[in-house]
Amino acid sequence: MEYFLLFIGFACMITGIIGSFLPVLPGPPISWIGILLLYLTPNVTPNYWILGITLVIALMIAILDYVIPAKGTKRFGGSKYGIWGTNIGLIVGLLTPIPFGFIIGPFAGALIGELIYDKKDHNRALKAATGSLIGFLASTFMKFVISIVYLGLFFVIVWRNWEIYF
């Protein structure tokens, strides 16, 4: 049972890291499940503080993943049309079968939203769409860093309980 939970937990860690780059998969929450599975092994003493703190961080990151691109649009001068366009573009980009649709979608959505708001000001629309792209890249980087930290925590827990597994 210990090896099964260890293997599935490690698979969740790798899936969480991959999910940091693919918006379809929530990277940090999947990585947190890997830590949870590790603590569910029969001979590992659970640390509820670590589980609680990492859960709160994973949930906050999952929420911020949808907020940051919209805030990036607003920060770069976008209107509510651009923010809605970013959110709609993210969903459409995820559902379309084009490569990198999850990157192109928010950018195109913000651009289209801003052009609907003001057809004459193309520079402002492009600036807001660039803000959306920067926000998306920032949230992706943040998810990747948290997933790598969780992987490191996973290895620390395994190392401390080395005699149980090996």
N, C-alpha and C. Protein backbone atom coordinates (compact mmCIF):
# COMPACT_ATOMS: atom_id res chain seq x y z
N MET A 1 0.82 -1.19 0.00
CA MET A 1 0.00 0.00 0.00
C MET A 1 0.87 1.26 0.00
N GLU A 2 1.98 1.23 0.76
CA GLU A 2 2.85 2.40 0.83
C GLU A 2 3.42 2.74 -0.55
N TYR A 3 3.83 1.71 -1.30
CA TYR A 3 4.41 1.96 -2.61
C TYR A 3 3.38 2.48 -3.60
N PHE A 4 2.16 1.99 -3.49
CA PHE A 4 1.10 2.47 -4.38
C PHE A 4 0.83 3.96 -4.13
N LEU A 5 0.68 4.35 -2.86
CA LEU A 5 0.44 5.75 -2.53
C LEU A 5 1.63 6.62 -2.89
N LEU A 6 2.84 6.09 -2.69
CA LEU A 6 4.04 6.82 -3.06
C LEU A 6 4.08 7.06 -4.57
N PHE A 7 3.79 6.03 -5.35
CA PHE A 7 3.81 6.15 -6.80
C PHE A 7 2.73 7.11 -7.30
N ILE A 8 1.51 6.96 -6.81
CA ILE A 8 0.41 7.83 -7.23
C ILE A 8 0.68 9.28 -6.78
N GLY A 9 1.23 9.45 -5.59
CA GLY A 9 1.58 10.79 -5.12
C GLY A 9 2.63 11.45 -6.01
N PHE A 10 3.64 10.67 -6.41
CA PHE A 10 4.67 11.21 -7.30
C PHE A 10 4.08 11.52 -8.68
N ALA A 11 3.17 10.69 -9.15
CA ALA A 11 2.50 10.95 -10.42
C ALA A 11 1.68 12.25 -10.34
N CYS A 12 1.05 12.49 -9.20
CA CYS A 12 0.32 13.74 -9.02
C CYS A 12 1.28 14.93 -9.03
N MET A 13 2.46 14.77 -8.46
CA MET A 13 3.45 15.84 -8.48
C MET A 13 3.85 16.20 -9.92
N ILE A 14 4.15 15.19 -10.71
CA ILE A 14 4.55 15.42 -12.10
C ILE A 14 3.37 16.03 -12.89
N THR A 15 2.17 15.51 -12.67
CA THR A 15 0.99 16.06 -13.33
C THR A 15 0.76 17.51 -12.91
N GLY A 16 1.02 17.82 -11.66
CA GLY A 16 0.87 19.20 -11.18
C GLY A 16 1.85 20.14 -11.86
N ILE A 17 3.07 19.69 -12.07
CA ILE A 17 4.06 20.53 -12.75
C ILE A 17 3.63 20.75 -14.20
N ILE A 18 3.17 19.69 -14.86
CA ILE A 18 2.68 19.82 -16.24
C ILE A 18 1.45 20.73 -16.26
N GLY A 19 0.59 20.59 -15.26
CA GLY A 19 -0.61 21.41 -15.16
C GLY A 19 -0.32 22.87 -14.92
N SER A 20 0.89 23.19 -14.50
CA SER A 20 1.27 24.59 -14.34
C SER A 20 1.30 25.31 -15.68
N PHE A 21 1.57 24.57 -16.74
CA PHE A 21 1.67 25.16 -18.07
C PHE A 21 0.38 24.99 -18.87
N LEU A 22 -0.42 24.01 -18.52
CA LEU A 22 -1.68 23.76 -19.21
C LEU A 22 -2.84 24.21 -18.33
N PRO A 23 -3.54 25.24 -18.73
CA PRO A 23 -4.63 25.74 -17.87
C PRO A 23 -5.78 24.75 -17.68
N VAL A 24 -5.80 23.69 -18.46
CA VAL A 24 -6.85 22.69 -18.30
C VAL A 24 -6.69 21.96 -16.97
N LEU A 25 -5.45 21.76 -16.55
CA LEU A 25 -5.15 21.07 -15.29
C LEU A 25 -4.76 22.08 -14.22
N PRO A 26 -5.38 22.02 -13.06
CA PRO A 26 -4.97 22.91 -11.97
C PRO A 26 -3.71 22.38 -11.30
N GLY A 27 -2.56 22.93 -11.67
CA GLY A 27 -1.27 22.41 -11.22
C GLY A 27 -1.08 22.29 -9.72
N PRO A 28 -1.09 23.40 -8.97
CA PRO A 28 -0.84 23.31 -7.52
C PRO A 28 -1.85 22.44 -6.76
N PRO A 29 -3.15 22.48 -7.05
CA PRO A 29 -4.05 21.57 -6.34
C PRO A 29 -3.75 20.09 -6.60
N ILE A 30 -3.34 19.75 -7.82
CA ILE A 30 -2.98 18.36 -8.10
C ILE A 30 -1.71 17.99 -7.35
N SER A 31 -0.76 18.92 -7.29
CA SER A 31 0.46 18.66 -6.51
C SER A 31 0.13 18.49 -5.04
N TRP A 32 -0.83 19.27 -4.54
CA TRP A 32 -1.23 19.13 -3.14
C TRP A 32 -1.81 17.75 -2.88
N ILE A 33 -2.56 17.22 -3.83
CA ILE A 33 -3.11 15.87 -3.68
C ILE A 33 -1.97 14.86 -3.54
N GLY A 34 -0.86 15.09 -4.26
CA GLY A 34 0.30 14.22 -4.12
C GLY A 34 0.86 14.24 -2.71
N ILE A 35 0.92 15.43 -2.10
CA ILE A 35 1.38 15.53 -0.71
C ILE A 35 0.40 14.83 0.22
N LEU A 36 -0.88 15.02 -0.01
CA LEU A 36 -1.91 14.37 0.81
C LEU A 36 -1.79 12.85 0.73
N LEU A 37 -1.60 12.32 -0.47
CA LEU A 37 -1.46 10.87 -0.61
C LEU A 37 -0.24 10.34 0.12
N LEU A 38 0.82 11.13 0.12
CA LEU A 38 2.02 10.73 0.85
C LEU A 38 1.75 10.65 2.34
N TYR A 39 0.99 11.63 2.86
CA TYR A 39 0.65 11.60 4.28
C TYR A 39 -0.38 10.53 4.63
N LEU A 40 -1.07 10.00 3.63
CA LEU A 40 -2.06 8.95 3.90
C LEU A 40 -1.43 7.56 4.00
N THR A 41 -0.14 7.45 3.71
CA THR A 41 0.50 6.14 3.89
C THR A 41 0.44 5.77 5.36
N PRO A 42 0.25 4.50 5.66
CA PRO A 42 -0.03 4.09 7.04
C PRO A 42 1.04 4.47 8.07
N ASN A 43 2.30 4.45 7.72
CA ASN A 43 3.33 4.67 8.73
C ASN A 43 3.88 6.09 8.76
N VAL A 44 3.37 6.98 7.93
CA VAL A 44 3.82 8.38 7.94
C VAL A 44 2.88 9.18 8.83
N THR A 45 3.46 9.87 9.79
CA THR A 45 2.67 10.70 10.70
C THR A 45 2.25 11.97 9.97
N PRO A 46 0.94 12.21 9.86
CA PRO A 46 0.50 13.40 9.13
C PRO A 46 0.82 14.68 9.89
N ASN A 47 1.22 15.69 9.15
CA ASN A 47 1.46 17.01 9.70
C ASN A 47 0.34 17.90 9.18
N TYR A 48 -0.64 18.14 10.02
CA TYR A 48 -1.82 18.87 9.59
C TYR A 48 -1.52 20.33 9.29
N TRP A 49 -0.48 20.88 9.92
CA TRP A 49 -0.09 22.27 9.62
C TRP A 49 0.40 22.38 8.18
N ILE A 50 1.26 21.45 7.79
CA ILE A 50 1.77 21.48 6.41
C ILE A 50 0.63 21.25 5.43
N LEU A 51 -0.23 20.28 5.71
CA LEU A 51 -1.36 20.01 4.82
C LEU A 51 -2.29 21.22 4.71
N GLY A 52 -2.57 21.86 5.82
CA GLY A 52 -3.48 23.01 5.81
C GLY A 52 -2.89 24.21 5.09
N ILE A 53 -1.64 24.52 5.40
CA ILE A 53 -1.00 25.69 4.77
C ILE A 53 -0.84 25.47 3.27
N THR A 54 -0.40 24.28 2.87
CA THR A 54 -0.22 24.02 1.44
C THR A 54 -1.56 23.98 0.71
N LEU A 55 -2.63 23.53 1.38
CA LEU A 55 -3.96 23.54 0.77
C LEU A 55 -4.42 24.98 0.53
N VAL A 56 -4.26 25.83 1.52
CA VAL A 56 -4.67 27.23 1.37
C VAL A 56 -3.88 27.89 0.24
N ILE A 57 -2.59 27.64 0.17
CA ILE A 57 -1.77 28.21 -0.91
C ILE A 57 -2.23 27.69 -2.26
N ALA A 58 -2.48 26.40 -2.36
CA ALA A 58 -2.92 25.81 -3.63
C ALA A 58 -4.26 26.40 -4.08
N LEU A 59 -5.18 26.58 -3.15
CA LEU A 59 -6.47 27.15 -3.51
C LEU A 59 -6.36 28.62 -3.89
N MET A 60 -5.52 29.36 -3.18
CA MET A 60 -5.31 30.77 -3.53
C MET A 60 -4.69 30.90 -4.92
N ILE A 61 -3.72 30.06 -5.23
CA ILE A 61 -3.09 30.10 -6.54
C ILE A 61 -4.10 29.73 -7.62
N ALA A 62 -4.95 28.75 -7.35
CA ALA A 62 -5.96 28.35 -8.33
C ALA A 62 -6.93 29.49 -8.62
N ILE A 63 -7.29 30.24 -7.60
CA ILE A 63 -8.18 31.39 -7.80
C ILE A 63 -7.44 32.52 -8.53
N LEU A 64 -6.22 32.80 -8.10
CA LEU A 64 -5.45 33.87 -8.73
C LEU A 64 -5.14 33.58 -10.19
N ASP A 65 -5.12 32.32 -10.56
CA ASP A 65 -4.84 31.95 -11.93
C ASP A 65 -5.87 32.54 -12.89
N TYR A 66 -7.07 32.74 -12.42
CA TYR A 66 -8.11 33.33 -13.26
C TYR A 66 -8.20 34.85 -13.08
N VAL A 67 -7.69 35.36 -11.97
CA VAL A 67 -7.79 36.78 -11.69
C VAL A 67 -6.64 37.57 -12.30
N ILE A 68 -5.43 37.03 -12.27
CA ILE A 68 -4.24 37.78 -12.69
C ILE A 68 -4.28 38.22 -14.15
N PRO A 69 -4.67 37.37 -15.12
CA PRO A 69 -4.72 37.89 -16.50
C PRO A 69 -5.70 39.06 -16.67
N ALA A 70 -6.82 39.00 -15.98
CA ALA A 70 -7.78 40.10 -16.07
C ALA A 70 -7.22 41.36 -15.41
N LYS A 71 -6.52 41.20 -14.30
CA LYS A 71 -5.90 42.35 -13.64
C LYS A 71 -4.78 42.93 -14.50
N GLY A 72 -4.06 42.06 -15.22
CA GLY A 72 -3.03 42.55 -16.13
C GLY A 72 -3.62 43.40 -17.23
N THR A 73 -4.77 42.98 -17.72
CA THR A 73 -5.47 43.77 -18.74
C THR A 73 -5.85 45.14 -18.19
N LYS A 74 -6.39 45.15 -16.98
CA LYS A 74 -6.80 46.41 -16.37
C LYS A 74 -5.60 47.30 -16.07
N ARG A 75 -4.53 46.70 -15.61
CA ARG A 75 -3.31 47.47 -15.27
C ARG A 75 -2.72 48.17 -16.49
N PHE A 76 -2.84 47.55 -17.65
CA PHE A 76 -2.29 48.12 -18.87
C PHE A 76 -3.32 48.99 -19.60
N GLY A 77 -4.34 49.42 -18.88
CA GLY A 77 -5.28 50.38 -19.46
C GLY A 77 -6.51 49.78 -20.10
N GLY A 78 -6.78 48.54 -19.84
CA GLY A 78 -7.94 47.90 -20.44
C GLY A 78 -9.23 48.29 -19.74
N SER A 79 -10.31 48.20 -20.47
CA SER A 79 -11.63 48.50 -19.93
C SER A 79 -12.30 47.20 -19.46
N LYS A 80 -13.53 47.32 -19.02
CA LYS A 80 -14.28 46.11 -18.63
C LYS A 80 -14.49 45.20 -19.83
N TYR A 81 -14.58 45.77 -21.01
CA TYR A 81 -14.71 44.95 -22.22
C TYR A 81 -13.47 44.09 -22.41
N GLY A 82 -12.31 44.67 -22.15
CA GLY A 82 -11.06 43.91 -22.27
C GLY A 82 -10.94 42.82 -21.23
N ILE A 83 -11.39 43.13 -20.02
CA ILE A 83 -11.34 42.14 -18.94
C ILE A 83 -12.28 40.98 -19.27
N TRP A 84 -13.51 41.30 -19.71
CA TRP A 84 -14.44 40.24 -20.09
C TRP A 84 -13.91 39.47 -21.29
N GLY A 85 -13.30 40.19 -22.22
CA GLY A 85 -12.71 39.53 -23.38
C GLY A 85 -11.60 38.58 -22.99
N THR A 86 -10.80 38.97 -22.00
CA THR A 86 -9.73 38.10 -21.51
C THR A 86 -10.30 36.81 -20.93
N ASN A 87 -11.32 36.94 -20.09
CA ASN A 87 -11.92 35.76 -19.47
C ASN A 87 -12.60 34.85 -20.51
N ILE A 88 -13.34 35.46 -21.42
CA ILE A 88 -14.00 34.67 -22.46
C ILE A 88 -12.96 34.04 -23.38
N GLY A 89 -11.92 34.81 -23.71
CA GLY A 89 -10.85 34.29 -24.57
C GLY A 89 -10.11 33.13 -23.92
N LEU A 90 -9.94 33.17 -22.60
CA LEU A 90 -9.29 32.06 -21.91
C LEU A 90 -10.12 30.79 -22.04
N ILE A 91 -11.42 30.92 -21.84
CA ILE A 91 -12.30 29.74 -21.95
C ILE A 91 -12.32 29.22 -23.38
N VAL A 92 -12.48 30.12 -24.33
CA VAL A 92 -12.52 29.70 -25.74
C VAL A 92 -11.18 29.10 -26.15
N GLY A 93 -10.08 29.70 -25.69
CA GLY A 93 -8.75 29.19 -26.01
C GLY A 93 -8.52 27.79 -25.46
N LEU A 94 -9.10 27.51 -24.30
CA LEU A 94 -8.97 26.18 -23.73
C LEU A 94 -9.76 25.15 -24.52
N LEU A 95 -10.88 25.56 -25.07
CA LEU A 95 -11.77 24.62 -25.75
C LEU A 95 -11.43 24.43 -27.23
N THR A 96 -10.66 25.33 -27.80
CA THR A 96 -10.32 25.19 -29.22
C THR A 96 -9.14 24.24 -29.38
N PRO A 97 -9.12 23.50 -30.47
CA PRO A 97 -8.05 22.52 -30.66
C PRO A 97 -6.78 23.10 -31.30
N ILE A 98 -6.62 24.42 -31.29
CA ILE A 98 -5.42 24.99 -31.89
C ILE A 98 -4.26 24.92 -30.89
N PRO A 99 -3.04 24.79 -31.39
CA PRO A 99 -1.89 24.79 -30.48
C PRO A 99 -1.77 26.15 -29.78
N PHE A 100 -1.47 26.12 -28.52
CA PHE A 100 -1.29 27.30 -27.69
C PHE A 100 -2.54 28.18 -27.64
N GLY A 101 -3.70 27.57 -27.77
CA GLY A 101 -4.95 28.30 -27.68
C GLY A 101 -5.14 28.96 -26.33
N PHE A 102 -4.59 28.35 -25.29
CA PHE A 102 -4.70 28.91 -23.96
C PHE A 102 -3.87 30.18 -23.79
N ILE A 103 -2.91 30.43 -24.68
CA ILE A 103 -2.15 31.68 -24.66
C ILE A 103 -2.77 32.68 -25.63
N ILE A 104 -3.15 32.21 -26.81
CA ILE A 104 -3.70 33.09 -27.83
C ILE A 104 -5.09 33.59 -27.42
N GLY A 105 -5.88 32.74 -26.78
CA GLY A 105 -7.26 33.08 -26.41
C GLY A 105 -7.38 34.33 -25.56
N PRO A 106 -6.70 34.42 -24.41
CA PRO A 106 -6.83 35.63 -23.59
C PRO A 106 -6.33 36.88 -24.31
N PHE A 107 -5.24 36.73 -25.06
CA PHE A 107 -4.71 37.87 -25.81
C PHE A 107 -5.72 38.35 -26.84
N ALA A 108 -6.24 37.42 -27.64
CA ALA A 108 -7.22 37.78 -28.68
C ALA A 108 -8.52 38.28 -28.06
N GLY A 109 -8.94 37.67 -26.96
CA GLY A 109 -10.16 38.11 -26.30
C GLY A 109 -10.05 39.53 -25.78
N ALA A 110 -8.92 39.86 -25.16
CA ALA A 110 -8.71 41.23 -24.68
C ALA A 110 -8.66 42.21 -25.85
N LEU A 111 -7.98 41.81 -26.91
CA LEU A 111 -7.87 42.68 -28.09
C LEU A 111 -9.25 42.92 -28.71
N ILE A 112 -10.03 41.88 -28.89
CA ILE A 112 -11.37 42.02 -29.47
C ILE A 112 -12.27 42.83 -28.54
N GLY A 113 -12.20 42.56 -27.25
CA GLY A 113 -13.01 43.31 -26.28
C GLY A 113 -12.69 44.80 -26.31
N GLU A 114 -11.42 45.13 -26.37
CA GLU A 114 -11.03 46.54 -26.42
C GLU A 114 -11.41 47.19 -27.75
N LEU A 115 -11.32 46.43 -28.83
CA LEU A 115 -11.73 46.98 -30.12
C LEU A 115 -13.24 47.18 -30.18
N ILE A 116 -14.01 46.35 -29.50
CA ILE A 116 -15.45 46.57 -29.41
C ILE A 116 -15.73 47.84 -28.61
N TYR A 117 -14.96 48.05 -27.55
CA TYR A 117 -15.13 49.24 -26.71
C TYR A 117 -14.78 50.51 -27.46
N ASP A 118 -13.65 50.50 -28.17
CA ASP A 118 -13.21 51.69 -28.91
C ASP A 118 -12.49 51.23 -30.17
N LYS A 119 -13.20 51.27 -31.30
CA LYS A 119 -12.66 50.77 -32.57
C LYS A 119 -11.51 51.62 -33.10
N LYS A 120 -11.41 52.84 -32.67
CA LYS A 120 -10.42 53.75 -33.24
C LYS A 120 -9.05 53.66 -32.57
N ASP A 121 -9.02 53.25 -31.32
CA ASP A 121 -7.76 53.27 -30.56
C ASP A 121 -7.14 51.87 -30.56
N HIS A 122 -6.43 51.55 -31.64
CA HIS A 122 -5.81 50.24 -31.78
C HIS A 122 -4.62 50.07 -30.83
N ASN A 123 -3.90 51.13 -30.57
CA ASN A 123 -2.73 51.03 -29.68
C ASN A 123 -3.15 50.67 -28.25
N ARG A 124 -4.23 51.30 -27.78
CA ARG A 124 -4.71 51.00 -26.44
C ARG A 124 -5.19 49.56 -26.35
N ALA A 125 -5.86 49.09 -27.40
CA ALA A 125 -6.34 47.70 -27.43
C ALA A 125 -5.17 46.73 -27.42
N LEU A 126 -4.14 47.03 -28.17
CA LEU A 126 -2.95 46.17 -28.21
C LEU A 126 -2.23 46.18 -26.87
N LYS A 127 -2.17 47.34 -26.24
CA LYS A 127 -1.53 47.46 -24.93
C LYS A 127 -2.29 46.64 -23.88
N ALA A 128 -3.61 46.70 -23.89
CA ALA A 128 -4.41 45.93 -22.94
C ALA A 128 -4.26 44.43 -23.20
N ALA A 129 -4.21 44.04 -24.47
CA ALA A 129 -4.03 42.62 -24.80
C ALA A 129 -2.64 42.15 -24.35
N THR A 130 -1.64 43.00 -24.49
CA THR A 130 -0.30 42.66 -24.00
C THR A 130 -0.31 42.49 -22.48
N GLY A 131 -1.06 43.34 -21.79
CA GLY A 131 -1.21 43.20 -20.34
C GLY A 131 -1.84 41.87 -19.97
N SER A 132 -2.80 41.44 -20.76
CA SER A 132 -3.43 40.13 -20.54
C SER A 132 -2.42 39.01 -20.71
N LEU A 133 -1.60 39.10 -21.75
CA LEU A 133 -0.58 38.08 -21.98
C LEU A 133 0.45 38.06 -20.85
N ILE A 134 0.88 39.23 -20.41
CA ILE A 134 1.86 39.29 -19.31
C ILE A 134 1.25 38.73 -18.03
N GLY A 135 -0.02 39.04 -17.78
CA GLY A 135 -0.70 38.48 -16.61
C GLY A 135 -0.79 36.97 -16.67
N PHE A 136 -1.08 36.45 -17.85
CA PHE A 136 -1.15 34.99 -18.01
C PHE A 136 0.21 34.36 -17.76
N LEU A 137 1.26 34.95 -18.32
CA LEU A 137 2.61 34.40 -18.13
C LEU A 137 3.03 34.48 -16.66
N ALA A 138 2.64 35.56 -15.97
CA ALA A 138 2.96 35.69 -14.55
C ALA A 138 2.25 34.62 -13.73
N SER A 139 0.99 34.37 -14.03
CA SER A 139 0.26 33.35 -13.26
C SER A 139 0.80 31.95 -13.56
N THR A 140 1.23 31.71 -14.80
CA THR A 140 1.84 30.42 -15.14
C THR A 140 3.14 30.22 -14.38
N PHE A 141 3.96 31.25 -14.32
CA PHE A 141 5.23 31.16 -13.58
C PHE A 141 4.96 30.91 -12.10
N MET A 142 3.97 31.59 -11.56
CA MET A 142 3.63 31.43 -10.14
C MET A 142 3.18 29.99 -9.86
N LYS A 143 2.35 29.42 -10.72
CA LYS A 143 1.90 28.04 -10.54
C LYS A 143 3.07 27.06 -10.64
N PHE A 144 3.98 27.32 -11.57
CA PHE A 144 5.14 26.44 -11.74
C PHE A 144 6.02 26.46 -10.49
N VAL A 145 6.28 27.65 -9.95
CA VAL A 145 7.13 27.76 -8.76
C VAL A 145 6.50 27.02 -7.58
N ILE A 146 5.21 27.20 -7.37
CA ILE A 146 4.53 26.52 -6.26
C ILE A 146 4.56 25.01 -6.46
N SER A 147 4.36 24.54 -7.68
CA SER A 147 4.40 23.09 -7.94
C SER A 147 5.79 22.52 -7.70
N ILE A 148 6.83 23.26 -8.05
CA ILE A 148 8.21 22.82 -7.78
C ILE A 148 8.48 22.80 -6.28
N VAL A 149 7.99 23.79 -5.56
CA VAL A 149 8.15 23.80 -4.10
C VAL A 149 7.45 22.60 -3.49
N TYR A 150 6.25 22.28 -3.97
CA TYR A 150 5.53 21.11 -3.46
C TYR A 150 6.28 19.82 -3.79
N LEU A 151 6.90 19.76 -4.96
CA LEU A 151 7.72 18.59 -5.29
C LEU A 151 8.89 18.46 -4.32
N GLY A 152 9.54 19.58 -4.01
CA GLY A 152 10.62 19.56 -3.03
C GLY A 152 10.14 19.11 -1.67
N LEU A 153 8.96 19.58 -1.25
CA LEU A 153 8.38 19.16 0.02
C LEU A 153 8.08 17.66 0.00
N PHE A 154 7.60 17.17 -1.13
CA PHE A 154 7.33 15.75 -1.30
C PHE A 154 8.61 14.94 -1.05
N PHE A 155 9.71 15.37 -1.67
CA PHE A 155 10.98 14.66 -1.50
C PHE A 155 11.50 14.76 -0.07
N VAL A 156 11.28 15.88 0.60
CA VAL A 156 11.70 16.02 2.00
C VAL A 156 10.93 15.04 2.88
N ILE A 157 9.63 14.92 2.64
CA ILE A 157 8.81 13.99 3.43
C ILE A 157 9.25 12.55 3.18
N VAL A 158 9.52 12.21 1.92
CA VAL A 158 9.99 10.86 1.60
C VAL A 158 11.35 10.62 2.27
N TRP A 159 12.23 11.60 2.23
CA TRP A 159 13.57 11.45 2.82
C TRP A 159 13.48 11.22 4.33
N ARG A 160 12.59 11.96 5.00
CA ARG A 160 12.44 11.81 6.45
C ARG A 160 11.85 10.46 6.83
N ASN A 161 11.12 9.85 5.92
CA ASN A 161 10.50 8.54 6.18
C ASN A 161 11.12 7.47 5.31
N TRP A 162 12.38 7.58 5.05
CA TRP A 162 13.11 6.70 4.14
C TRP A 162 13.00 5.23 4.55
N GLU A 163 13.07 4.97 5.85
CA GLU A 163 13.05 3.59 6.33
C GLU A 163 11.70 2.90 6.10
N ILE A 164 10.64 3.67 5.94
CA ILE A 164 9.34 3.08 5.68
C ILE A 164 9.27 2.54 4.26
N TYR A 165 9.84 3.30 3.33
CA TYR A 165 9.73 2.95 1.92
C TYR A 165 10.82 2.01 1.42
N PHE A 166 12.04 2.17 1.97
CA PHE A 166 13.16 1.40 1.41
C PHE A 166 13.91 0.64 2.47
